[in-house]
Amino acid sequence: MPQGGMVGVSVFDLNDNQPLYAYQADRLCRPASTQKLITAITALNQPRGQEPFRTEVWATGEIANDTLRGDLYVVGGMDPELMETALDTLVDLTSAFPFHVITGQVYGDVSMRDSMYWGRGWMWDDNPESFQPYLSPLMLNKGFVKVTAIPTTPGEPARLEVKPASSYFNIINETKTKTSSAGDFDVMRDWMNNENEIIVSGNITSRRVEEINVYSSQDYFMHTFLDRLGTRFTLMQPWYSFDELQNDSTCQLVAEYETSVQKVLKHMMKDSNNLNAEALFTRLGVQASGKRHVSADEGVEAIRALVKAMGLKPDDYRFADGCGLSMYDYVSPDLLVAFLRYAYNRDNIFPHLFRSLPVSGVDGTLKNRMRKGNPAYQRVHAKTGSYTGINCLAGYLETNSKRYLAFAIMCQNQIKASEARALQDAICELLAKE
């Protein structure tokens, strides 16, 4: 084992229904992205856990003579996979309704979740990264912009392609093609003041791509939606605001866009997408509590309730978010294995969870681990979890004798992540040979 850190291991034989091996398995650890297993299993365990994520457009008031004498509402459902094509679909469906003049206002309804746009215990200096999004029930393109710089004539600015196209942000091109004095390629904005003036700079010798998040998600969505709505409609009040839809007899559903839970799970697990995990965590809170407006508390309480239902004590652990970015999450290898065991015995959970997990040597975050020729190749379906000092692996493993195991390996305070991964791979290889 790597020196200087702590390792906890728990392995359970699912065929014999008994523990196989344990080493410091009850020690509390930070799970990093293996927290996503707990979120996914708890969410799929809900009676409505398979319902799709929905984003809806509603009209209020009266429709007469090609005119909506009322307001338009876009109601957010926390869909983390709503990309540019989905936004265009919403606009297309809205334009198919029998009005093309809107006298009232266009509103965004983000009342599903509170206004805390980061999870508890998230690191502030992760902000420039696209993996730490701004959370909102209305999100577009996962909250970030993709900037591509393409070289042109030496000494001239590179050509920039920005997706999705939107007037919400400004692009300043300070690049130079094949000019070493221009410095390294960089995409930046004023983080401290939450400005959306995106500065692209540096020497461009070949095609370069960078992703950068923008502030804030709901404004990004609504501004871009209004951009495109304005090409199809006459807007008497060409701006947007935020308000909650009061659904009454004057309301009509104009359009909706759905994303399956399986699609959300796939990117949440295979790619370890934090936004997808937090979206599922929020939706879990809504379904478990029955409330229309939730915070992280409702998601946490749903997880605690399942821990208690499994015969364990919720107060022995700490849950703060859905994705594992939080410094406040504390679980044990035994707890992760308890969740994996619970999922394995339930048809409403296991098939969906299993096919969403990365496969050793094949895809996702395990694509380059336990590759072809290794005894564990294609036999490990598991979730990775890592940030500085933390490296975890938990999931399912098929042995050479066709036995199925649930396991969790949690390495803590390991500065060299490569050593922690090597230990995890070695344990999986050993188990796979059995």
Protein backbone atom coordinates (compact mmCIF):
# COMPACT_ATOMS: atom_id res chain seq x y z
CA MET A 1 0.00 0.00 0.00
CA PRO A 2 1.17 3.58 -0.63
CA GLN A 3 2.88 5.15 2.36
CA GLY A 4 1.50 8.11 4.28
CA GLY A 5 -2.19 7.61 3.58
CA MET A 6 -5.10 5.48 4.70
CA VAL A 7 -6.87 2.73 2.78
CA GLY A 8 -10.25 1.16 3.49
CA VAL A 9 -11.46 -1.93 1.63
CA SER A 10 -14.76 -3.81 1.69
CA VAL A 11 -15.62 -6.79 -0.54
CA PHE A 12 -18.92 -8.68 -0.46
CA ASP A 13 -19.78 -11.95 -2.24
CA LEU A 14 -23.19 -11.38 -3.84
CA ASN A 15 -23.63 -15.08 -4.69
CA ASP A 16 -23.07 -16.36 -1.14
CA ASN A 17 -24.52 -13.19 0.40
CA GLN A 18 -21.66 -12.81 2.85
CA PRO A 19 -18.62 -10.58 3.43
CA LEU A 20 -15.49 -11.75 1.64
CA TYR A 21 -12.85 -9.30 2.87
CA ALA A 22 -12.58 -6.16 4.96
CA TYR A 23 -9.74 -3.86 5.89
CA GLN A 24 -10.57 -0.70 7.83
CA ALA A 25 -13.95 -0.98 6.13
CA ASP A 26 -15.76 1.09 8.74
CA ARG A 27 -13.38 4.06 8.54
CA LEU A 28 -14.99 7.33 7.46
CA CYS A 29 -13.63 8.59 4.14
CA ARG A 30 -14.32 11.33 1.65
CA PRO A 31 -15.98 9.55 -1.28
CA ALA A 32 -15.33 12.07 -4.08
CA SER A 33 -17.35 10.91 -7.09
CA THR A 34 -18.24 7.51 -5.62
CA GLN A 35 -20.88 9.62 -3.84
CA LYS A 36 -22.68 9.44 -7.19
CA LEU A 37 -23.44 5.77 -6.48
CA ILE A 38 -25.37 6.74 -3.35
CA THR A 39 -27.25 9.47 -5.23
CA ALA A 40 -28.14 7.24 -8.18
CA ILE A 41 -29.29 4.28 -6.08
CA THR A 42 -31.44 6.45 -3.82
CA ALA A 43 -32.96 8.26 -6.82
CA LEU A 44 -33.75 5.06 -8.72
CA ASN A 45 -35.32 3.64 -5.56
CA GLN A 46 -38.07 6.28 -5.65
CA PRO A 47 -41.48 5.14 -7.01
CA ARG A 48 -41.21 7.82 -9.74
CA GLY A 49 -37.48 7.36 -10.18
CA GLN A 50 -37.78 6.48 -13.88
CA GLU A 51 -39.73 9.58 -14.87
CA PRO A 52 -37.93 11.75 -17.44
CA PHE A 53 -36.61 15.23 -16.73
CA ARG A 54 -38.96 17.84 -18.22
CA THR A 55 -38.63 21.44 -19.32
CA GLU A 56 -41.98 23.04 -20.15
CA VAL A 57 -43.27 26.17 -21.85
CA TRP A 58 -46.65 27.49 -20.67
CA ALA A 59 -48.85 30.33 -21.88
CA THR A 60 -51.15 32.32 -19.62
CA GLY A 61 -54.01 34.57 -20.69
CA GLU A 62 -56.02 34.44 -23.93
CA ILE A 63 -55.06 33.63 -27.51
CA ALA A 64 -56.89 35.60 -30.20
CA ASN A 65 -56.04 36.78 -33.72
CA ASP A 66 -52.51 35.34 -33.70
CA THR A 67 -51.81 37.12 -30.39
CA LEU A 68 -51.15 35.82 -26.90
CA ARG A 69 -52.62 38.42 -24.57
CA GLY A 70 -50.71 37.18 -21.63
CA ASP A 71 -47.31 35.86 -20.55
CA LEU A 72 -45.03 32.99 -21.54
CA TYR A 73 -43.33 30.87 -18.87
CA VAL A 74 -40.42 28.46 -19.25
CA VAL A 75 -40.58 26.07 -16.28
CA GLY A 76 -37.27 24.45 -15.36
CA GLY A 77 -37.11 20.80 -14.37
CA MET A 78 -33.36 20.61 -13.65
CA ASP A 79 -32.56 18.88 -16.98
CA PRO A 80 -28.74 18.69 -17.16
CA GLU A 81 -28.73 17.41 -20.75
CA LEU A 82 -30.60 20.33 -22.31
CA MET A 83 -28.28 21.41 -25.10
CA GLU A 84 -28.59 23.83 -28.02
CA THR A 85 -30.68 21.45 -30.16
CA ALA A 86 -33.12 20.94 -27.29
CA LEU A 87 -33.47 24.72 -26.88
CA ASP A 88 -34.23 25.00 -30.60
CA THR A 89 -36.80 22.22 -30.26
CA LEU A 90 -38.59 24.16 -27.52
CA VAL A 91 -38.65 27.25 -29.75
CA ASP A 92 -39.92 25.20 -32.71
CA LEU A 93 -42.70 23.62 -30.68
CA THR A 94 -43.69 27.00 -29.23
CA SER A 95 -43.85 28.57 -32.71
CA ALA A 96 -46.23 25.80 -33.81
CA PHE A 97 -48.86 27.13 -31.38
CA PRO A 98 -51.50 29.51 -32.89
CA PHE A 99 -49.90 32.82 -31.89
CA HIS A 100 -46.87 34.79 -33.03
CA VAL A 101 -47.33 37.99 -31.03
CA ILE A 102 -46.81 38.03 -27.26
CA THR A 103 -48.10 41.10 -25.45
CA GLY A 104 -46.96 40.08 -21.98
CA GLN A 105 -43.61 39.13 -20.52
CA VAL A 106 -41.45 36.04 -20.95
CA TYR A 107 -40.63 34.47 -17.58
CA GLY A 108 -38.26 31.79 -16.40
CA ASP A 109 -39.58 29.65 -13.54
CA VAL A 110 -36.64 28.40 -11.47
CA SER A 111 -38.62 27.84 -8.29
CA MET A 112 -37.87 24.09 -8.15
CA ARG A 113 -34.59 24.67 -6.32
CA ASP A 114 -33.25 27.34 -3.97
CA SER A 115 -30.81 29.95 -5.26
CA MET A 116 -27.65 28.30 -3.87
CA TYR A 117 -25.85 27.83 -7.18
CA TRP A 118 -23.00 25.74 -5.67
CA GLY A 119 -23.14 22.75 -3.39
CA ARG A 120 -22.10 22.90 0.26
CA GLY A 121 -18.39 22.44 0.77
CA TRP A 122 -17.42 22.93 -2.88
CA MET A 123 -14.03 24.50 -3.50
CA TRP A 124 -14.31 28.11 -4.70
CA ASP A 125 -11.17 27.84 -6.85
CA ASP A 126 -12.69 25.09 -8.99
CA ASN A 127 -14.92 27.80 -10.47
CA PRO A 128 -13.05 28.31 -13.78
CA GLU A 129 -13.55 24.63 -14.61
CA SER A 130 -16.57 23.50 -16.60
CA PHE A 131 -16.93 20.51 -14.24
CA GLN A 132 -18.13 22.87 -11.49
CA PRO A 133 -21.30 24.36 -12.96
CA TYR A 134 -23.74 26.93 -11.64
CA LEU A 135 -26.81 24.97 -10.56
CA SER A 136 -30.28 26.01 -11.66
CA PRO A 137 -33.55 24.35 -12.76
CA LEU A 138 -32.94 26.05 -16.14
CA MET A 139 -29.57 25.14 -17.62
CA LEU A 140 -28.20 25.30 -21.16
CA ASN A 141 -25.22 23.39 -22.54
CA LYS A 142 -24.29 22.31 -19.00
CA GLY A 143 -23.62 25.95 -18.12
CA PHE A 144 -20.55 26.38 -20.27
CA VAL A 145 -19.41 27.75 -23.64
CA LYS A 146 -17.16 25.82 -26.02
CA VAL A 147 -14.53 28.01 -27.69
CA THR A 148 -12.57 26.71 -30.69
CA ALA A 149 -9.57 28.65 -32.02
CA ILE A 150 -8.42 27.89 -35.59
CA PRO A 151 -5.10 29.26 -36.94
CA THR A 152 -5.16 31.61 -39.93
CA THR A 153 -2.31 33.67 -41.45
CA PRO A 154 0.81 34.01 -39.25
CA GLY A 155 0.61 37.16 -37.15
CA GLU A 156 -3.17 37.50 -37.64
CA PRO A 157 -5.87 36.67 -35.06
CA ALA A 158 -7.12 33.09 -35.08
CA ARG A 159 -10.65 32.37 -36.23
CA LEU A 160 -12.94 31.68 -33.29
CA GLU A 161 -15.97 29.41 -33.24
CA VAL A 162 -18.20 29.66 -30.19
CA LYS A 163 -21.01 27.25 -29.32
CA PRO A 164 -23.77 27.73 -28.53
CA ALA A 165 -24.22 31.05 -30.27
CA SER A 166 -25.70 33.63 -27.90
CA SER A 167 -25.64 37.37 -27.29
CA TYR A 168 -25.46 36.66 -23.56
CA PHE A 169 -21.66 36.82 -23.54
CA ASN A 170 -19.05 38.86 -25.41
CA ILE A 171 -15.97 37.36 -27.04
CA ILE A 172 -12.71 39.34 -27.18
CA ASN A 173 -10.16 37.84 -29.58
CA GLU A 174 -6.60 38.55 -28.47
CA THR A 175 -5.04 35.53 -30.20
CA LYS A 176 -2.23 35.52 -32.76
CA THR A 177 -1.57 32.79 -35.31
CA LYS A 178 1.88 31.19 -35.09
CA THR A 179 3.29 34.05 -33.03
CA SER A 180 5.30 32.75 -30.08
CA SER A 181 5.40 36.15 -28.38
CA ALA A 182 1.61 35.97 -27.93
CA GLY A 183 2.11 33.45 -25.11
CA ASP A 184 0.13 30.35 -24.17
CA PHE A 185 -3.45 29.74 -25.28
CA ASP A 186 -5.93 30.83 -22.64
CA VAL A 187 -9.67 31.40 -22.28
CA MET A 188 -10.55 33.59 -19.31
CA ARG A 189 -13.16 35.87 -17.80
CA ASP A 190 -13.42 38.00 -14.65
CA TRP A 191 -14.34 35.33 -12.11
CA MET A 192 -14.43 37.53 -9.03
CA ASN A 193 -17.01 39.87 -10.52
CA ASN A 194 -18.90 37.17 -12.45
CA GLU A 195 -18.42 38.98 -15.75
CA ASN A 196 -19.25 37.23 -19.01
CA GLU A 197 -16.74 38.98 -21.24
CA ILE A 198 -14.73 36.01 -22.48
CA ILE A 199 -11.14 36.81 -23.42
CA VAL A 200 -9.41 34.37 -25.78
CA SER A 201 -5.67 34.92 -26.03
CA GLY A 202 -2.33 33.31 -26.89
CA ASN A 203 -0.37 31.76 -29.74
CA ILE A 204 -2.46 29.47 -31.97
CA THR A 205 -0.39 27.00 -33.98
CA SER A 206 -3.08 24.34 -34.33
CA ARG A 207 -6.77 23.91 -33.61
CA ARG A 208 -7.41 24.51 -29.88
CA VAL A 209 -10.58 23.89 -27.92
CA GLU A 210 -11.48 25.13 -24.44
CA GLU A 211 -14.64 25.08 -22.32
CA ILE A 212 -15.50 27.86 -19.90
CA ASN A 213 -18.50 28.21 -17.62
CA VAL A 214 -20.61 31.37 -17.61
CA TYR A 215 -22.57 33.10 -14.88
CA SER A 216 -25.40 32.44 -14.28
CA SER A 217 -27.10 29.33 -15.66
CA GLN A 218 -30.70 30.58 -15.60
CA ASP A 219 -29.79 33.90 -17.25
CA TYR A 220 -27.70 32.10 -19.85
CA PHE A 221 -30.70 29.90 -20.67
CA MET A 222 -33.32 32.63 -20.73
CA HIS A 223 -31.23 35.16 -22.65
CA THR A 224 -30.44 32.61 -25.38
CA PHE A 225 -34.05 31.37 -25.43
CA LEU A 226 -35.25 34.93 -25.92
CA ASP A 227 -32.66 35.47 -28.68
CA ARG A 228 -34.18 32.64 -30.65
CA LEU A 229 -37.77 33.31 -29.69
CA GLY A 230 -37.38 36.82 -31.11
CA THR A 231 -36.67 35.40 -34.58
CA ARG A 232 -40.09 33.71 -34.61
CA PHE A 233 -42.31 36.01 -32.54
CA THR A 234 -43.13 39.67 -32.13
CA LEU A 235 -42.34 40.38 -28.49
CA MET A 236 -44.09 43.47 -27.17
CA GLN A 237 -41.89 43.26 -24.07
CA PRO A 238 -38.56 41.96 -25.44
CA TRP A 239 -36.90 41.04 -22.18
CA TYR A 240 -37.21 38.30 -19.60
CA SER A 241 -37.69 38.06 -15.85
CA PHE A 242 -38.12 35.30 -13.28
CA ASP A 243 -41.35 34.31 -11.59
CA GLU A 244 -43.17 31.15 -10.55
CA LEU A 245 -45.99 29.92 -12.78
CA GLN A 246 -49.32 29.88 -10.96
CA ASN A 247 -51.06 27.09 -12.79
CA ASP A 248 -54.76 27.92 -13.16
CA SER A 249 -57.54 27.74 -15.75
CA THR A 250 -55.85 30.37 -17.95
CA CYS A 251 -52.68 28.26 -18.38
CA GLN A 252 -51.95 26.16 -21.47
CA LEU A 253 -49.01 23.81 -21.97
CA VAL A 254 -47.35 25.00 -25.17
CA ALA A 255 -44.23 22.84 -25.41
CA GLU A 256 -42.14 20.37 -23.44
CA TYR A 257 -38.80 18.67 -23.80
CA GLU A 258 -37.92 15.41 -22.03
CA THR A 259 -34.64 13.70 -21.20
CA SER A 260 -34.59 10.11 -19.98
CA VAL A 261 -33.11 9.24 -16.60
CA GLN A 262 -30.88 6.66 -18.31
CA LYS A 263 -29.25 9.38 -20.42
CA VAL A 264 -28.63 11.46 -17.31
CA LEU A 265 -27.19 8.42 -15.52
CA LYS A 266 -24.91 7.51 -18.42
CA HIS A 267 -23.04 10.82 -18.41
CA MET A 268 -23.21 11.05 -14.63
CA MET A 269 -21.40 7.71 -14.24
CA LYS A 270 -19.36 7.08 -17.39
CA ASP A 271 -18.07 10.67 -17.60
CA SER A 272 -18.45 11.44 -13.88
CA ASN A 273 -20.48 14.54 -14.73
CA ASN A 274 -21.14 16.58 -11.59
CA LEU A 275 -23.99 18.61 -13.03
CA ASN A 276 -25.94 15.45 -13.88
CA ALA A 277 -25.44 14.17 -10.35
CA GLU A 278 -26.66 17.41 -8.76
CA ALA A 279 -29.67 17.49 -11.09
CA LEU A 280 -30.61 13.95 -10.08
CA PHE A 281 -29.98 14.87 -6.42
CA THR A 282 -32.37 17.82 -6.68
CA ARG A 283 -35.02 15.79 -8.47
CA LEU A 284 -34.62 13.10 -5.78
CA GLY A 285 -35.40 15.72 -3.14
CA VAL A 286 -38.57 16.75 -4.98
CA GLN A 287 -39.82 13.19 -5.41
CA ALA A 288 -38.95 11.99 -1.91
CA SER A 289 -40.35 15.02 -0.07
CA GLY A 290 -43.36 15.78 -2.28
CA LYS A 291 -42.40 19.46 -2.16
CA ARG A 292 -42.41 21.82 -5.15
CA HIS A 293 -39.46 23.84 -3.86
CA VAL A 294 -36.40 22.11 -2.46
CA SER A 295 -32.81 22.66 -1.37
CA ALA A 296 -29.98 20.19 -0.78
CA ASP A 297 -31.65 19.27 2.54
CA GLU A 298 -34.42 17.25 0.90
CA GLY A 299 -31.94 15.19 -1.11
CA VAL A 300 -29.85 14.55 2.00
CA GLU A 301 -32.92 13.45 3.97
CA ALA A 302 -33.87 10.98 1.22
CA ILE A 303 -30.40 9.40 1.40
CA ARG A 304 -30.54 9.27 5.20
CA ALA A 305 -33.95 7.58 5.02
CA LEU A 306 -32.58 4.84 2.77
CA VAL A 307 -29.56 4.34 5.05
CA LYS A 308 -31.98 3.83 7.93
CA ALA A 309 -34.14 1.46 5.85
CA MET A 310 -31.02 -0.65 5.22
CA GLY A 311 -30.63 -1.09 8.99
CA LEU A 312 -27.76 1.36 9.41
CA LYS A 313 -27.46 4.60 11.39
CA PRO A 314 -27.58 7.78 9.25
CA ASP A 315 -25.87 9.78 11.99
CA ASP A 316 -22.75 7.65 11.54
CA TYR A 317 -22.13 9.33 8.15
CA ARG A 318 -22.40 12.76 6.58
CA PHE A 319 -23.96 13.67 3.23
CA ALA A 320 -23.77 17.17 1.75
CA ASP A 321 -24.25 16.95 -2.01
CA GLY A 322 -25.06 14.57 -4.85
CA CYS A 323 -21.81 14.47 -6.79
CA GLY A 324 -19.05 14.22 -4.17
CA LEU A 325 -17.33 17.56 -4.78
CA SER A 326 -18.10 18.57 -1.21
CA MET A 327 -15.41 18.50 1.48
CA TYR A 328 -18.20 17.66 3.95
CA ASP A 329 -19.16 14.20 2.62
CA TYR A 330 -18.06 11.31 4.83
CA VAL A 331 -18.94 7.67 4.16
CA SER A 332 -17.23 4.31 4.66
CA PRO A 333 -16.31 1.43 2.33
CA ASP A 334 -18.91 -0.70 4.13
CA LEU A 335 -21.62 1.89 3.47
CA LEU A 336 -20.84 2.04 -0.26
CA VAL A 337 -21.00 -1.76 -0.40
CA ALA A 338 -24.32 -1.72 1.49
CA PHE A 339 -25.77 0.56 -1.21
CA LEU A 340 -24.37 -1.67 -3.96
CA ARG A 341 -25.88 -4.73 -2.30
CA TYR A 342 -29.24 -2.99 -1.99
CA ALA A 343 -29.21 -2.08 -5.68
CA TYR A 344 -28.14 -5.57 -6.81
CA ASN A 345 -31.30 -7.17 -5.44
CA ARG A 346 -33.76 -4.74 -7.05
CA ASP A 347 -34.88 -4.85 -10.67
CA ASN A 348 -35.94 -1.19 -10.62
CA ILE A 349 -32.36 -0.16 -9.78
CA PHE A 350 -29.66 -2.64 -10.80
CA PRO A 351 -30.14 -2.86 -14.62
CA HIS A 352 -30.15 0.93 -14.96
CA LEU A 353 -27.21 1.42 -12.61
CA PHE A 354 -25.08 -1.41 -14.00
CA ARG A 355 -25.18 -0.32 -17.62
CA SER A 356 -24.34 3.25 -16.68
CA LEU A 357 -21.10 2.34 -14.88
CA PRO A 358 -17.65 2.61 -16.52
CA VAL A 359 -16.23 -0.76 -17.64
CA SER A 360 -12.58 -1.61 -17.02
CA GLY A 361 -10.45 -1.18 -20.14
CA VAL A 362 -13.50 -0.25 -22.24
CA ASP A 363 -15.08 3.15 -21.54
CA GLY A 364 -15.68 6.08 -19.27
CA THR A 365 -13.23 6.85 -16.50
CA LEU A 366 -11.99 3.21 -16.54
CA LYS A 367 -11.14 3.18 -20.24
CA ASN A 368 -7.39 3.27 -19.62
CA ARG A 369 -7.31 1.02 -16.56
CA MET A 370 -7.16 -2.80 -16.36
CA ARG A 371 -6.88 -2.98 -20.13
CA LYS A 372 -6.92 -5.96 -22.46
CA GLY A 373 -4.67 -8.73 -21.16
CA ASN A 374 -5.37 -7.87 -17.52
CA PRO A 375 -7.45 -10.54 -15.66
CA ALA A 376 -9.86 -7.75 -14.64
CA TYR A 377 -10.39 -6.53 -18.23
CA GLN A 378 -14.14 -5.96 -18.86
CA ARG A 379 -14.96 -7.52 -15.49
CA VAL A 380 -15.12 -4.38 -13.38
CA HIS A 381 -18.18 -2.11 -13.60
CA ALA A 382 -17.39 0.62 -11.13
CA LYS A 383 -17.40 4.31 -10.28
CA THR A 384 -14.16 6.17 -9.81
CA GLY A 385 -13.82 9.10 -7.43
CA SER A 386 -10.86 11.43 -7.14
CA TYR A 387 -9.63 14.88 -6.27
CA THR A 388 -6.42 16.00 -4.60
CA GLY A 389 -5.45 13.46 -1.93
CA ILE A 390 -8.55 11.28 -2.50
CA ASN A 391 -8.87 8.29 -4.84
CA CYS A 392 -11.70 5.77 -4.64
CA LEU A 393 -13.18 2.93 -6.68
CA ALA A 394 -16.47 1.16 -5.93
CA GLY A 395 -18.81 -1.07 -7.90
CA TYR A 396 -19.22 -4.64 -9.13
CA LEU A 397 -16.72 -7.27 -10.25
CA GLU A 398 -17.18 -10.61 -12.00
CA THR A 399 -14.61 -13.25 -11.01
CA ASN A 400 -13.07 -15.91 -13.22
CA SER A 401 -15.43 -18.44 -11.61
CA LYS A 402 -18.45 -16.29 -12.59
CA ARG A 403 -19.11 -15.02 -9.10
CA TYR A 404 -20.25 -11.45 -8.58
CA LEU A 405 -18.75 -9.19 -5.94
CA ALA A 406 -19.60 -5.73 -4.65
CA PHE A 407 -16.53 -3.81 -3.54
CA ALA A 408 -15.28 -0.42 -2.37
CA ILE A 409 -11.63 0.69 -2.16
CA MET A 410 -11.16 4.12 -0.61
CA CYS A 411 -7.68 5.67 -0.58
CA GLN A 412 -7.32 8.81 1.50
CA ASN A 413 -4.49 11.34 1.85
CA GLN A 414 -2.67 9.92 -1.16
CA ILE A 415 -0.68 12.62 -2.88
CA LYS A 416 0.36 10.31 -5.73
CA ALA A 417 -2.92 9.32 -7.38
CA SER A 418 -1.09 6.85 -9.63
CA GLU A 419 -0.08 4.78 -6.58
CA ALA A 420 -3.65 4.70 -5.28
CA ARG A 421 -4.98 3.62 -8.68
CA ALA A 422 -2.29 0.94 -8.94
CA LEU A 423 -3.38 -0.49 -5.59
CA GLN A 424 -7.05 -0.51 -6.65
CA ASP A 425 -6.23 -2.20 -9.96
CA ALA A 426 -4.07 -4.79 -8.21
CA ILE A 427 -6.92 -5.67 -5.81
CA CYS A 428 -9.38 -5.96 -8.70
CA GLU A 429 -6.92 -8.16 -10.61
CA LEU A 430 -6.52 -10.42 -7.60
CA LEU A 431 -10.28 -10.73 -7.11
CA ALA A 432 -10.91 -11.35 -10.82
CA LYS A 433 -8.59 -14.38 -10.81
CA GLU A 434 -10.68 -16.22 -8.19
